[in-house]
C-alpha atoms as a PDB file:
ATOM      1  CA  MET A   1     -16.637 -35.058 -11.254  1.00  0.00           C
ATOM      2  CA  THR A   2     -16.165 -36.299  -7.160  1.00  0.00           C
ATOM      3  CA  LYS A   3     -19.462 -37.483  -4.824  1.00  0.00           C
ATOM      4  CA  ASP A   4     -19.622 -34.324  -3.615  1.00  0.00           C
ATOM      5  CA  ASN A   5     -20.674 -32.507  -7.178  1.00  0.00           C
ATOM      6  CA  ASP A   6     -22.425 -35.472  -7.987  1.00  0.00           C
ATOM      7  CA  ILE A   7     -25.721 -34.555  -9.284  1.00  0.00           C
ATOM      8  CA  TYR A   8     -27.120 -38.082  -8.577  1.00  0.00           C
ATOM      9  CA  GLU A   9     -26.718 -37.806  -4.874  1.00  0.00           C
ATOM     10  CA  ARG A  10     -27.242 -33.610  -5.047  1.00  0.00           C
ATOM     11  CA  GLN A  11     -30.497 -34.943  -6.519  1.00  0.00           C
ATOM     12  CA  ARG A  12     -31.512 -36.737  -3.238  1.00  0.00           C
ATOM     13  CA  PRO A  13     -35.509 -36.187  -1.199  1.00  0.00           C
ATOM     14  CA  MET A  14     -35.145 -32.793   0.474  1.00  0.00           C
ATOM     15  CA  SER A  15     -38.903 -31.166   1.938  1.00  0.00           C
ATOM     16  CA  SER A  16     -39.003 -27.981   3.553  1.00  0.00           C
ATOM     17  CA  ALA A  17     -41.110 -25.458   5.338  1.00  0.00           C
ATOM     18  CA  PHE A  18     -43.306 -24.991   1.993  1.00  0.00           C
ATOM     19  CA  GLY A  19     -45.075 -27.638   0.120  1.00  0.00           C
ATOM     20  CA  TYR A  20     -47.899 -28.477  -2.615  1.00  0.00           C
ATOM     21  CA  ARG A  21     -50.327 -25.246  -1.778  1.00  0.00           C
ATOM     22  CA  SER A  22     -47.308 -22.768  -0.687  1.00  0.00           C
ATOM     23  CA  THR A  23     -47.418 -19.044  -2.447  1.00  0.00           C
ATOM     24  CA  ALA A  24     -45.302 -17.020  -4.312  1.00  0.00           C
ATOM     25  CA  ALA A  25     -45.892 -14.667  -1.481  1.00  0.00           C
ATOM     26  CA  ASP A  26     -45.620 -17.338   1.607  1.00  0.00           C
ATOM     27  CA  VAL A  27     -42.322 -17.936   0.648  1.00  0.00           C
ATOM     28  CA  LEU A  28     -41.001 -15.012  -0.491  1.00  0.00           C
ATOM     29  CA  GLU A  29     -42.068 -13.535   3.031  1.00  0.00           C
ATOM     30  CA  GLY A  30     -39.574 -12.219   5.145  1.00  0.00           C
ATOM     31  CA  HIS A  31     -37.155 -11.205   2.244  1.00  0.00           C
ATOM     32  CA  ASP A  32     -35.821  -8.481   1.744  1.00  0.00           C
ATOM     33  CA  LEU A  33     -34.695  -8.421  -2.019  1.00  0.00           C
ATOM     34  CA  SER A  34     -33.756  -4.385  -1.894  1.00  0.00           C
ATOM     35  CA  GLY A  35     -31.302  -3.710  -4.152  1.00  0.00           C
ATOM     36  CA  VAL A  36     -31.390  -6.959  -5.955  1.00  0.00           C
ATOM     37  CA  THR A  37     -32.688  -6.833 -10.214  1.00  0.00           C
ATOM     38  CA  ALA A  38     -33.785 -10.607 -11.073  1.00  0.00           C
ATOM     39  CA  VAL A  39     -34.364 -11.270 -15.427  1.00  0.00           C
ATOM     40  CA  VAL A  40     -38.068 -13.046 -15.593  1.00  0.00           C
ATOM     41  CA  THR A  41     -39.355 -13.941 -19.245  1.00  0.00           C
ATOM     42  CA  GLY A  42     -43.087 -14.731 -18.839  1.00  0.00           C
ATOM     43  CA  GLY A  43     -43.762 -11.674 -16.283  1.00  0.00           C
ATOM     44  CA  TYR A  44     -46.672 -10.428 -17.556  1.00  0.00           C
ATOM     45  CA  SER A  45     -49.131 -13.388 -17.359  1.00  0.00           C
ATOM     46  CA  GLY A  46     -49.658 -16.197 -15.675  1.00  0.00           C
ATOM     47  CA  LEU A  47     -46.470 -17.283 -13.178  1.00  0.00           C
ATOM     48  CA  GLY A  48     -44.341 -15.416 -14.420  1.00  0.00           C
ATOM     49  CA  PHE A  49     -46.793 -11.954 -13.354  1.00  0.00           C
ATOM     50  CA  GLU A  50     -47.265 -13.934 -10.085  1.00  0.00           C
ATOM     51  CA  THR A  51     -42.986 -14.010  -9.768  1.00  0.00           C
ATOM     52  CA  VAL A  52     -42.650 -10.362 -10.962  1.00  0.00           C
ATOM     53  CA  ALA A  53     -45.909  -9.120  -8.282  1.00  0.00           C
ATOM     54  CA  ALA A  54     -43.595 -11.332  -5.332  1.00  0.00           C
ATOM     55  CA  LEU A  55     -40.428 -10.144  -6.489  1.00  0.00           C
ATOM     56  CA  ALA A  56     -41.538  -6.578  -6.389  1.00  0.00           C
ATOM     57  CA  ASP A  57     -43.508  -6.736  -3.260  1.00  0.00           C
ATOM     58  CA  ALA A  58     -40.359  -7.880  -2.328  1.00  0.00           C
ATOM     59  CA  GLY A  59     -38.356  -4.469  -2.981  1.00  0.00           C
ATOM     60  CA  ALA A  60     -36.326  -6.323  -5.851  1.00  0.00           C
ATOM     61  CA  ALA A  61     -36.141  -4.664  -9.340  1.00  0.00           C
ATOM     62  CA  VAL A  62     -37.614  -6.683 -12.044  1.00  0.00           C
ATOM     63  CA  ILE A  63     -36.437  -6.404 -15.832  1.00  0.00           C
ATOM     64  CA  VAL A  64     -39.069  -8.085 -18.025  1.00  0.00           C
ATOM     65  CA  PRO A  65     -38.076  -8.701 -21.528  1.00  0.00           C
ATOM     66  CA  ALA A  66     -41.160  -9.489 -23.438  1.00  0.00           C
ATOM     67  CA  ARG A  67     -42.426 -10.349 -26.842  1.00  0.00           C
ATOM     68  CA  ARG A  68     -45.127  -7.904 -26.538  1.00  0.00           C
ATOM     69  CA  PRO A  69     -43.504  -5.205 -24.838  1.00  0.00           C
ATOM     70  CA  GLU A  70     -46.655  -3.217 -25.407  1.00  0.00           C
ATOM     71  CA  ALA A  71     -48.621  -5.545 -23.944  1.00  0.00           C
ATOM     72  CA  ALA A  72     -46.070  -6.532 -20.794  1.00  0.00           C
ATOM     73  CA  ALA A  73     -45.953  -2.647 -20.067  1.00  0.00           C
ATOM     74  CA  ALA A  74     -50.103  -2.236 -20.097  1.00  0.00           C
ATOM     75  CA  LYS A  75     -50.275  -5.490 -17.721  1.00  0.00           C
ATOM     76  CA  LEU A  76     -47.135  -4.505 -15.184  1.00  0.00           C
ATOM     77  CA  GLU A  77     -48.106  -0.833 -14.718  1.00  0.00           C
ATOM     78  CA  GLY A  78     -48.031   0.695 -11.032  1.00  0.00           C
ATOM     79  CA  PHE A  79     -45.262  -1.780  -9.974  1.00  0.00           C
ATOM     80  CA  ALA A  80     -42.789  -0.250  -8.765  1.00  0.00           C
ATOM     81  CA  ARG A  81     -38.955  -1.374  -9.934  1.00  0.00           C
ATOM     82  CA  VAL A  82     -40.457  -3.012 -12.724  1.00  0.00           C
ATOM     83  CA  THR A  83     -39.327  -2.533 -16.331  1.00  0.00           C
ATOM     84  CA  VAL A  84     -39.940  -4.207 -19.561  1.00  0.00           C
ATOM     85  CA  GLU A  85     -37.832  -4.217 -22.647  1.00  0.00           C
ATOM     86  CA  LYS A  86     -38.770  -6.329 -26.003  1.00  0.00           C
ATOM     87  CA  MET A  87     -37.209  -9.504 -26.565  1.00  0.00           C
ATOM     88  CA  ASP A  88     -39.168 -12.895 -28.833  1.00  0.00           C
ATOM     89  CA  LEU A  89     -37.148 -15.916 -27.145  1.00  0.00           C
ATOM     90  CA  SER A  90     -37.740 -17.370 -30.737  1.00  0.00           C
ATOM     91  CA  ASP A  91     -35.772 -15.777 -32.975  1.00  0.00           C
ATOM     92  CA  LEU A  92     -31.583 -15.902 -31.059  1.00  0.00           C
ATOM     93  CA  ASP A  93     -31.056 -12.261 -32.701  1.00  0.00           C
ATOM     94  CA  SER A  94     -33.680 -10.388 -30.756  1.00  0.00           C
ATOM     95  CA  VAL A  95     -32.281 -12.349 -27.642  1.00  0.00           C
ATOM     96  CA  ALA A  96     -28.865 -11.056 -28.673  1.00  0.00           C
ATOM     97  CA  ALA A  97     -30.431  -7.524 -29.202  1.00  0.00           C
ATOM     98  CA  PHE A  98     -31.931  -7.851 -25.692  1.00  0.00           C
ATOM     99  CA  THR A  99     -29.103  -8.700 -23.763  1.00  0.00           C
ATOM    100  CA  ALA A 100     -26.480  -6.672 -25.174  1.00  0.00           C
ATOM    101  CA  LYS A 101     -28.909  -3.441 -24.234  1.00  0.00           C
ATOM    102  CA  VAL A 102     -29.238  -5.203 -20.425  1.00  0.00           C
ATOM    103  CA  ARG A 103     -25.087  -5.536 -20.961  1.00  0.00           C
ATOM    104  CA  GLU A 104     -24.528  -1.716 -21.619  1.00  0.00           C
ATOM    105  CA  ALA A 105     -26.708  -0.720 -18.695  1.00  0.00           C
ATOM    106  CA  ALA A 106     -24.251  -2.967 -16.627  1.00  0.00           C
ATOM    107  CA  THR A 107     -27.273  -3.921 -13.611  1.00  0.00           C
ATOM    108  CA  PRO A 108     -26.222  -6.115 -11.913  1.00  0.00           C
ATOM    109  CA  ILE A 109     -28.041  -9.232 -12.013  1.00  0.00           C
ATOM    110  CA  GLY A 110     -28.693 -11.577  -8.560  1.00  0.00           C
ATOM    111  CA  MET A 111     -31.523 -13.460 -10.337  1.00  0.00           C
ATOM    112  CA  MET A 112     -33.325 -14.975 -13.037  1.00  0.00           C
ATOM    113  CA  ILE A 113     -36.593 -17.085 -13.865  1.00  0.00           C
ATOM    114  CA  ASN A 114     -37.001 -18.286 -16.798  1.00  0.00           C
ATOM    115  CA  ALA A 115     -40.329 -19.195 -17.214  1.00  0.00           C
ATOM    116  CA  ALA A 116     -41.366 -17.946 -20.234  1.00  0.00           C
ATOM    117  CA  GLY A 117     -42.485 -21.348 -22.721  1.00  0.00           C
ATOM    118  CA  VAL A 118     -44.662 -22.770 -25.266  1.00  0.00           C
ATOM    119  CA  MET A 119     -46.570 -25.524 -25.362  1.00  0.00           C
ATOM    120  CA  ALA A 120     -47.857 -28.080 -27.117  1.00  0.00           C
ATOM    121  CA  THR A 121     -47.846 -26.090 -30.503  1.00  0.00           C
ATOM    122  CA  PRO A 122     -48.471 -26.838 -33.861  1.00  0.00           C
ATOM    123  CA  GLU A 123     -44.896 -27.338 -36.207  1.00  0.00           C
ATOM    124  CA  LYS A 124     -43.080 -24.750 -36.712  1.00  0.00           C
ATOM    125  CA  ARG A 125     -39.437 -23.326 -36.693  1.00  0.00           C
ATOM    126  CA  THR A 126     -37.948 -20.974 -35.084  1.00  0.00           C
ATOM    127  CA  ALA A 127     -36.598 -17.708 -36.767  1.00  0.00           C
ATOM    128  CA  GLN A 128     -33.121 -20.088 -36.997  1.00  0.00           C
ATOM    129  CA  GLY A 129     -35.384 -23.049 -38.209  1.00  0.00           C
ATOM    130  CA  TRP A 130     -34.534 -25.258 -34.958  1.00  0.00           C
ATOM    131  CA  GLU A 131     -38.384 -27.139 -33.861  1.00  0.00           C
ATOM    132  CA  PHE A 132     -40.469 -24.990 -32.083  1.00  0.00           C
ATOM    133  CA  GLN A 133     -41.114 -25.694 -28.480  1.00  0.00           C
ATOM    134  CA  PHE A 134     -37.322 -26.570 -28.334  1.00  0.00           C
ATOM    135  CA  GLY A 135     -35.591 -23.442 -29.933  1.00  0.00           C
ATOM    136  CA  THR A 136     -37.875 -20.961 -27.610  1.00  0.00           C
ATOM    137  CA  ASN A 137     -37.736 -22.840 -24.347  1.00  0.00           C
ATOM    138  CA  HIS A 138     -34.556 -23.881 -24.293  1.00  0.00           C
ATOM    139  CA  LEU A 139     -32.326 -22.846 -26.932  1.00  0.00           C
ATOM    140  CA  GLY A 140     -33.850 -19.109 -26.289  1.00  0.00           C
ATOM    141  CA  HIS A 141     -33.401 -18.837 -22.974  1.00  0.00           C
ATOM    142  CA  PHE A 142     -29.573 -20.779 -23.340  1.00  0.00           C
ATOM    143  CA  ALA A 143     -29.047 -17.358 -25.580  1.00  0.00           C
ATOM    144  CA  LEU A 144     -30.685 -15.215 -22.990  1.00  0.00           C
ATOM    145  CA  THR A 145     -28.694 -17.028 -19.740  1.00  0.00           C
ATOM    146  CA  ALA A 146     -24.990 -16.858 -21.860  1.00  0.00           C
ATOM    147  CA  GLY A 147     -25.520 -12.701 -22.901  1.00  0.00           C
ATOM    148  CA  LEU A 148     -26.381 -11.971 -19.160  1.00  0.00           C
ATOM    149  CA  SER A 149     -23.773 -13.974 -17.874  1.00  0.00           C
ATOM    150  CA  PRO A 150     -21.750 -11.669 -17.979  1.00  0.00           C
ATOM    151  CA  LEU A 151     -23.613  -9.688 -15.496  1.00  0.00           C
ATOM    152  CA  LEU A 152     -24.533 -12.323 -12.089  1.00  0.00           C
ATOM    153  CA  THR A 153     -22.951 -11.562  -9.228  1.00  0.00           C
ATOM    154  CA  THR A 154     -22.140 -13.235  -6.792  1.00  0.00           C
ATOM    155  CA  GLY A 155     -24.704 -15.171  -4.565  1.00  0.00           C
ATOM    156  CA  ALA A 156     -26.628 -15.119  -7.722  1.00  0.00           C
ATOM    157  CA  ARG A 157     -29.495 -17.823  -8.972  1.00  0.00           C
ATOM    158  CA  VAL A 158     -30.760 -19.141 -12.424  1.00  0.00           C
ATOM    159  CA  ILE A 159     -33.754 -20.855 -12.582  1.00  0.00           C
ATOM    160  CA  SER A 160     -35.288 -22.432 -15.356  1.00  0.00           C
ATOM    161  CA  TYR A 161     -38.545 -23.833 -15.757  1.00  0.00           C
ATOM    162  CA  SER A 162     -38.981 -27.346 -16.354  1.00  0.00           C
ATOM    163  CA  SER A 163     -42.021 -29.475 -16.314  1.00  0.00           C
ATOM    164  CA  ILE A 164     -43.156 -33.845 -14.700  1.00  0.00           C
ATOM    165  CA  GLY A 165     -43.880 -32.924 -18.526  1.00  0.00           C
ATOM    166  CA  HIS A 166     -40.410 -33.836 -19.197  1.00  0.00           C
ATOM    167  CA  TYR A 167     -41.709 -37.687 -18.829  1.00  0.00           C
ATOM    168  CA  ARG A 168     -42.887 -37.553 -22.395  1.00  0.00           C
ATOM    169  CA  SER A 169     -39.431 -37.847 -23.547  1.00  0.00           C
ATOM    170  CA  PRO A 170     -35.969 -37.178 -23.510  1.00  0.00           C
ATOM    171  CA  VAL A 171     -34.255 -34.949 -25.565  1.00  0.00           C
ATOM    172  CA  ARG A 172     -33.922 -36.530 -28.632  1.00  0.00           C
ATOM    173  CA  PHE A 173     -30.153 -35.559 -29.705  1.00  0.00           C
ATOM    174  CA  ASP A 174     -30.589 -38.006 -33.206  1.00  0.00           C
ATOM    175  CA  ASP A 175     -33.144 -35.923 -34.421  1.00  0.00           C
ATOM    176  CA  ILE A 176     -34.392 -33.044 -32.606  1.00  0.00           C
ATOM    177  CA  ASN A 177     -36.347 -31.534 -35.417  1.00  0.00           C
ATOM    178  CA  PHE A 178     -38.175 -34.285 -35.568  1.00  0.00           C
ATOM    179  CA  GLU A 179     -36.817 -34.215 -39.603  1.00  0.00           C
ATOM    180  CA  ALA A 180     -36.868 -38.186 -39.419  1.00  0.00           C
ATOM    181  CA  SER A 181     -39.487 -38.709 -37.511  1.00  0.00           C
ATOM    182  CA  PRO A 182     -43.032 -37.624 -37.770  1.00  0.00           C
ATOM    183  CA  TYR A 183     -43.502 -34.517 -35.382  1.00  0.00           C
ATOM    184  CA  GLU A 184     -45.837 -35.042 -31.849  1.00  0.00           C
ATOM    185  CA  PRO A 185     -46.533 -31.884 -30.182  1.00  0.00           C
ATOM    186  CA  TRP A 186     -46.342 -33.727 -26.733  1.00  0.00           C
ATOM    187  CA  GLU A 187     -43.280 -35.238 -27.256  1.00  0.00           C
ATOM    188  CA  ALA A 188     -41.556 -31.960 -28.349  1.00  0.00           C
ATOM    189  CA  TYR A 189     -43.529 -30.930 -25.025  1.00  0.00           C
ATOM    190  CA  GLY A 190     -41.685 -33.106 -23.070  1.00  0.00           C
ATOM    191  CA  GLN A 191     -38.172 -32.778 -24.991  1.00  0.00           C
ATOM    192  CA  ALA A 192     -37.415 -28.784 -24.183  1.00  0.00           C
ATOM    193  CA  LYS A 193     -38.525 -29.708 -20.270  1.00  0.00           C
ATOM    194  CA  SER A 194     -36.160 -32.402 -20.169  1.00  0.00           C
ATOM    195  CA  ALA A 195     -33.831 -29.712 -21.776  1.00  0.00           C
ATOM    196  CA  ASN A 196     -34.692 -26.849 -20.020  1.00  0.00           C
ATOM    197  CA  ALA A 197     -33.488 -29.437 -16.240  1.00  0.00           C
ATOM    198  CA  LEU A 198     -30.312 -30.782 -18.296  1.00  0.00           C
ATOM    199  CA  PHE A 199     -29.309 -26.472 -19.073  1.00  0.00           C
ATOM    200  CA  ALA A 200     -30.136 -26.429 -15.315  1.00  0.00           C
ATOM    201  CA  VAL A 201     -27.028 -28.932 -14.634  1.00  0.00           C
ATOM    202  CA  GLY A 202     -24.950 -28.492 -17.155  1.00  0.00           C
ATOM    203  CA  LEU A 203     -24.708 -24.548 -16.107  1.00  0.00           C
ATOM    204  CA  ASN A 204     -24.190 -25.241 -12.348  1.00  0.00           C
ATOM    205  CA  ALA A 205     -21.336 -27.436 -13.307  1.00  0.00           C
ATOM    206  CA  ARG A 206     -20.087 -24.532 -14.898  1.00  0.00           C
ATOM    207  CA  ALA A 207     -20.800 -21.439 -12.908  1.00  0.00           C
ATOM    208  CA  GLU A 208     -21.297 -22.577  -9.049  1.00  0.00           C
ATOM    209  CA  SER A 209     -17.122 -21.944  -8.656  1.00  0.00           C
ATOM    210  CA  ARG A 210     -18.401 -18.283  -9.115  1.00  0.00           C
ATOM    211  CA  GLY A 211     -20.576 -18.741  -6.078  1.00  0.00           C
ATOM    212  CA  ILE A 212     -24.139 -18.800  -8.927  1.00  0.00           C
ATOM    213  CA  LEU A 213     -26.197 -21.740  -8.808  1.00  0.00           C
ATOM    214  CA  ALA A 214     -28.547 -22.907 -11.094  1.00  0.00           C
ATOM    215  CA  PHE A 215     -32.153 -24.948 -10.338  1.00  0.00           C
ATOM    216  CA  SER A 216     -34.942 -26.339 -12.873  1.00  0.00           C
ATOM    217  CA  VAL A 217     -38.233 -26.703 -11.452  1.00  0.00           C
ATOM    218  CA  HIS A 218     -41.274 -28.021 -11.958  1.00  0.00           C
ATOM    219  CA  PRO A 219     -44.163 -25.877 -11.406  1.00  0.00           C
ATOM    220  CA  GLY A 220     -46.786 -28.454 -10.900  1.00  0.00           C
ATOM    221  CA  GLY A 221     -50.419 -28.334 -12.906  1.00  0.00           C
ATOM    222  CA  ILE A 222     -51.970 -25.015 -13.731  1.00  0.00           C
ATOM    223  CA  MET A 223     -54.510 -23.428 -15.929  1.00  0.00           C
ATOM    224  CA  THR A 224     -52.342 -20.593 -18.213  1.00  0.00           C
ATOM    225  CA  ASP A 225     -51.912 -19.212 -21.339  1.00  0.00           C
ATOM    226  CA  LEU A 226     -49.796 -22.019 -21.579  1.00  0.00           C
ATOM    227  CA  GLN A 227     -52.780 -24.364 -22.345  1.00  0.00           C
ATOM    228  CA  ARG A 228     -53.489 -21.778 -25.455  1.00  0.00           C
ATOM    229  CA  ASN A 229     -52.719 -24.481 -28.263  1.00  0.00           C
ATOM    230  CA  MET A 230     -55.114 -27.116 -26.758  1.00  0.00           C
ATOM    231  CA  PRO A 231     -58.169 -27.154 -28.195  1.00  0.00           C
ATOM    232  CA  ALA A 232     -61.789 -27.275 -25.347  1.00  0.00           C
ATOM    233  CA  GLU A 233     -62.061 -31.661 -25.986  1.00  0.00           C
ATOM    234  CA  GLU A 234     -58.450 -31.656 -25.370  1.00  0.00           C
ATOM    235  CA  LEU A 235     -58.358 -29.987 -22.008  1.00  0.00           C
ATOM    236  CA  LEU A 236     -61.792 -32.293 -21.186  1.00  0.00           C
ATOM    237  CA  ALA A 237     -60.812 -35.623 -22.276  1.00  0.00           C
ATOM    238  CA  ARG A 238     -57.314 -35.153 -19.732  1.00  0.00           C
ATOM    239  CA  GLY A 239     -59.381 -34.228 -17.158  1.00  0.00           C
ATOM    240  CA  TRP A 240     -58.032 -30.930 -16.965  1.00  0.00           C
ATOM    241  CA  VAL A 241     -61.452 -28.598 -17.244  1.00  0.00           C
ATOM    242  CA  ASP A 242     -64.261 -30.497 -16.676  1.00  0.00           C
ATOM    243  CA  ALA A 243     -67.842 -29.873 -18.796  1.00  0.00           C
ATOM    244  CA  GLN A 244     -68.182 -26.176 -18.100  1.00  0.00           C
ATOM    245  CA  GLY A 245     -64.911 -25.353 -18.074  1.00  0.00           C
ATOM    246  CA  ASN A 246     -63.940 -24.892 -14.539  1.00  0.00           C
ATOM    247  CA  PRO A 247     -60.002 -26.612 -13.835  1.00  0.00           C
ATOM    248  CA  ASN A 248     -59.221 -29.466 -11.869  1.00  0.00           C
ATOM    249  CA  PRO A 249     -59.321 -28.530  -8.179  1.00  0.00           C
ATOM    250  CA  LEU A 250     -55.655 -30.804  -7.995  1.00  0.00           C
ATOM    251  CA  PHE A 251     -54.561 -27.903 -10.342  1.00  0.00           C
ATOM    252  CA  LYS A 252     -52.650 -25.174  -8.775  1.00  0.00           C
ATOM    253  CA  THR A 253     -52.937 -21.465  -8.811  1.00  0.00           C
ATOM    254  CA  ALA A 254     -50.345 -19.349 -10.750  1.00  0.00           C
ATOM    255  CA  ALA A 255     -49.710 -17.653  -6.976  1.00  0.00           C
ATOM    256  CA  GLU A 256     -49.101 -21.340  -5.878  1.00  0.00           C
ATOM    257  CA  GLY A 257     -47.271 -22.247  -9.213  1.00  0.00           C
ATOM    258  CA  ALA A 258     -44.682 -19.720  -8.671  1.00  0.00           C
ATOM    259  CA  SER A 259     -43.786 -20.311  -5.565  1.00  0.00           C
ATOM    260  CA  THR A 260     -41.302 -23.342  -6.403  1.00  0.00           C
ATOM    261  CA  ALA A 261     -39.290 -21.448  -8.462  1.00  0.00           C
ATOM    262  CA  LEU A 262     -39.034 -18.833  -5.976  1.00  0.00           C
ATOM    263  CA  TRP A 263     -37.888 -21.167  -3.020  1.00  0.00           C
ATOM    264  CA  ALA A 264     -35.911 -22.362  -5.097  1.00  0.00           C
ATOM    265  CA  ALA A 265     -33.924 -18.924  -5.860  1.00  0.00           C
ATOM    266  CA  THR A 266     -34.096 -17.865  -2.461  1.00  0.00           C
ATOM    267  CA  ALA A 267     -33.744 -20.850   0.006  1.00  0.00           C
ATOM    268  CA  PRO A 268     -30.495 -21.084   2.018  1.00  0.00           C
ATOM    269  CA  GLU A 269     -30.987 -24.397   2.522  1.00  0.00           C
ATOM    270  CA  LEU A 270     -30.041 -24.908  -1.117  1.00  0.00           C
ATOM    271  CA  ALA A 271     -26.758 -23.468  -1.523  1.00  0.00           C
ATOM    272  CA  ASN A 272     -24.670 -26.870  -1.752  1.00  0.00           C
ATOM    273  CA  ARG A 273     -28.112 -28.430  -3.708  1.00  0.00           C
ATOM    274  CA  GLY A 274     -26.970 -26.501  -7.175  1.00  0.00           C
ATOM    275  CA  GLY A 275     -28.092 -27.947 -11.202  1.00  0.00           C
ATOM    276  CA  VAL A 276     -31.069 -30.255  -8.552  1.00  0.00           C
ATOM    277  CA  TYR A 277     -34.390 -29.901 -10.252  1.00  0.00           C
ATOM    278  CA  CYS A 278     -37.373 -29.289  -7.628  1.00  0.00           C
ATOM    279  CA  GLU A 279     -40.983 -29.098  -6.828  1.00  0.00           C
ATOM    280  CA  ASP A 280     -43.563 -28.731  -4.743  1.00  0.00           C
ATOM    281  CA  CYS A 281     -40.686 -25.859  -3.265  1.00  0.00           C
ATOM    282  CA  SER A 282     -38.922 -30.064  -2.332  1.00  0.00           C
ATOM    283  CA  ILE A 283     -36.138 -31.823  -3.982  1.00  0.00           C
ATOM    284  CA  LYS A 284     -38.082 -35.395  -4.675  1.00  0.00           C
ATOM    285  CA  SER A 285     -35.780 -38.477  -5.920  1.00  0.00           C
ATOM    286  CA  ILE A 286     -34.744 -40.061  -9.341  1.00  0.00           C
ATOM    287  CA  VAL A 287     -37.342 -41.851 -10.627  1.00  0.00           C
ATOM    288  CA  PRO A 288     -37.204 -45.358 -12.798  1.00  0.00           C
ATOM    289  CA  VAL A 289     -38.073 -44.515 -17.025  1.00  0.00           C
ATOM    290  CA  ASP A 290     -40.870 -47.047 -16.743  1.00  0.00           C
ATOM    291  CA  TYR A 291     -42.209 -44.407 -13.684  1.00  0.00           C
ATOM    292  CA  ALA A 292     -45.663 -42.763 -14.273  1.00  0.00           C
ATOM    293  CA  ASP A 293     -47.339 -41.875 -11.391  1.00  0.00           C
ATOM    294  CA  MET A 294     -47.168 -37.501 -12.405  1.00  0.00           C
ATOM    295  CA  MET A 295     -48.795 -36.494  -9.350  1.00  0.00           C
ATOM    296  CA  GLU A 296     -46.394 -38.084  -6.902  1.00  0.00           C
ATOM    297  CA  GLY A 297     -43.827 -36.656  -9.310  1.00  0.00           C
ATOM    298  CA  GLY A 298     -39.993 -37.161  -9.220  1.00  0.00           C
ATOM    299  CA  VAL A 299     -37.237 -36.941 -11.950  1.00  0.00           C
ATOM    300  CA  LYS A 300     -36.191 -39.023 -14.333  1.00  0.00           C
ATOM    301  CA  ASP A 301     -32.587 -39.443 -15.297  1.00  0.00           C
ATOM    302  CA  TRP A 302     -32.754 -38.370 -18.641  1.00  0.00           C
ATOM    303  CA  ALA A 303     -33.754 -34.968 -17.229  1.00  0.00           C
ATOM    304  CA  VAL A 304     -30.773 -34.805 -14.676  1.00  0.00           C
ATOM    305  CA  ASN A 305     -27.636 -37.564 -16.174  1.00  0.00           C
ATOM    306  CA  PRO A 306     -24.398 -34.993 -16.379  1.00  0.00           C
ATOM    307  CA  ASP A 307     -23.075 -36.741 -19.530  1.00  0.00           C
ATOM    308  CA  ALA A 308     -27.093 -35.880 -21.200  1.00  0.00           C
ATOM    309  CA  ALA A 309     -26.254 -32.432 -20.147  1.00  0.00           C
ATOM    310  CA  GLU A 310     -22.097 -32.170 -21.463  1.00  0.00           C
ATOM    311  CA  ALA A 311     -23.799 -33.245 -24.832  1.00  0.00           C
ATOM    312  CA  LEU A 312     -26.885 -31.095 -24.909  1.00  0.00           C
ATOM    313  CA  TRP A 313     -24.154 -27.335 -24.156  1.00  0.00           C
ATOM    314  CA  ALA A 314     -22.632 -28.694 -26.739  1.00  0.00           C
ATOM    315  CA  LEU A 315     -25.295 -28.476 -28.903  1.00  0.00           C
ATOM    316  CA  SER A 316     -26.310 -25.175 -27.734  1.00  0.00           C
ATOM    317  CA  VAL A 317     -23.429 -23.787 -27.685  1.00  0.00           C
ATOM    318  CA  LYS A 318     -22.814 -24.374 -31.240  1.00  0.00           C
ATOM    319  CA  ALA A 319     -26.380 -23.418 -32.012  1.00  0.00           C
ATOM    320  CA  THR A 320     -26.354 -19.628 -30.030  1.00  0.00           C
ATOM    321  CA  GLY A 321     -22.725 -19.184 -30.560  1.00  0.00           C
ATOM    322  CA  LEU A 322     -22.595 -18.510 -27.332  1.00  0.00           C
ATOM    323  CA  ASP A 323     -20.676 -20.306 -24.472  1.00  0.00           C
ATOM    324  CA  ALA A 324     -21.911 -19.115 -20.615  1.00  0.00           C
ATOM    325  CA  PHE A 325     -18.330 -19.274 -18.286  1.00  0.00           C
ATOM    326  CA  GLY A 326     -16.694 -21.697 -20.571  1.00  0.00           C
ATOM    327  CA  SER A 327     -16.550 -25.143 -20.749  1.00  0.00           C
END
């Protein structure tokens, strides 16, 4: 890579007019997205729902793939230009069926926001036998993006939801499925979130020459359905809620949490910064391996390292049989 294309150079800090408490509506104010079609996973709850609502208000058409399409349709009833289709991210066959249907419709796609995910689940496997968090959060979105890549237009952006949780683990290339070591749900989550960030690095390296950019984002601490696998005692012990179950006041609302992905998807100042990890509507620096300040943020090298991104890409192509934009 030349220095201009070096992810370490691109990851240098950059602020914007928005910040920690900016909302999805704030970020999209003044944007006319009429004529743009967006695909948003997880678009009927939490961050995904706020994303769909803001995009629809800005004039975009939105396709929402959903594991529970009836529930999604009920939640999104009343939104103009929003359609729901069945898809289960944890099953690559389901992803393939969805992408084939969308390709048949041949609607150009100007934005993908891969917001769906699972967190700290009990140990289980996807339909294809992968550790559930890695298989759902990463491989499902890898296959979705690859399957829809022929429809991505010049100027399109693909946003992958990572998390500060990537601090917990790099991608464990020697034991992704926890077959040689005991399963630890938070380490598995960290691995999946590191993979989400590395996917943006690998995708951007392949797609940028075609006018398509990829970014990863940390939305911030937010109480959503993502915490459904955590018992109340753990939420309290972590300080995420108080004794009455009220969220920590430092947490963002879902509308605030959705802002960074929409900023990454629309900000003109990011035109030459594809592949980077964003948070709080900004780019923050790469931090040392032993850095642990999750409030101040930043990204670990292992989540943006180009060699790790290439290794993950090769693994993902083998796992899915798909290779967006070639190698």
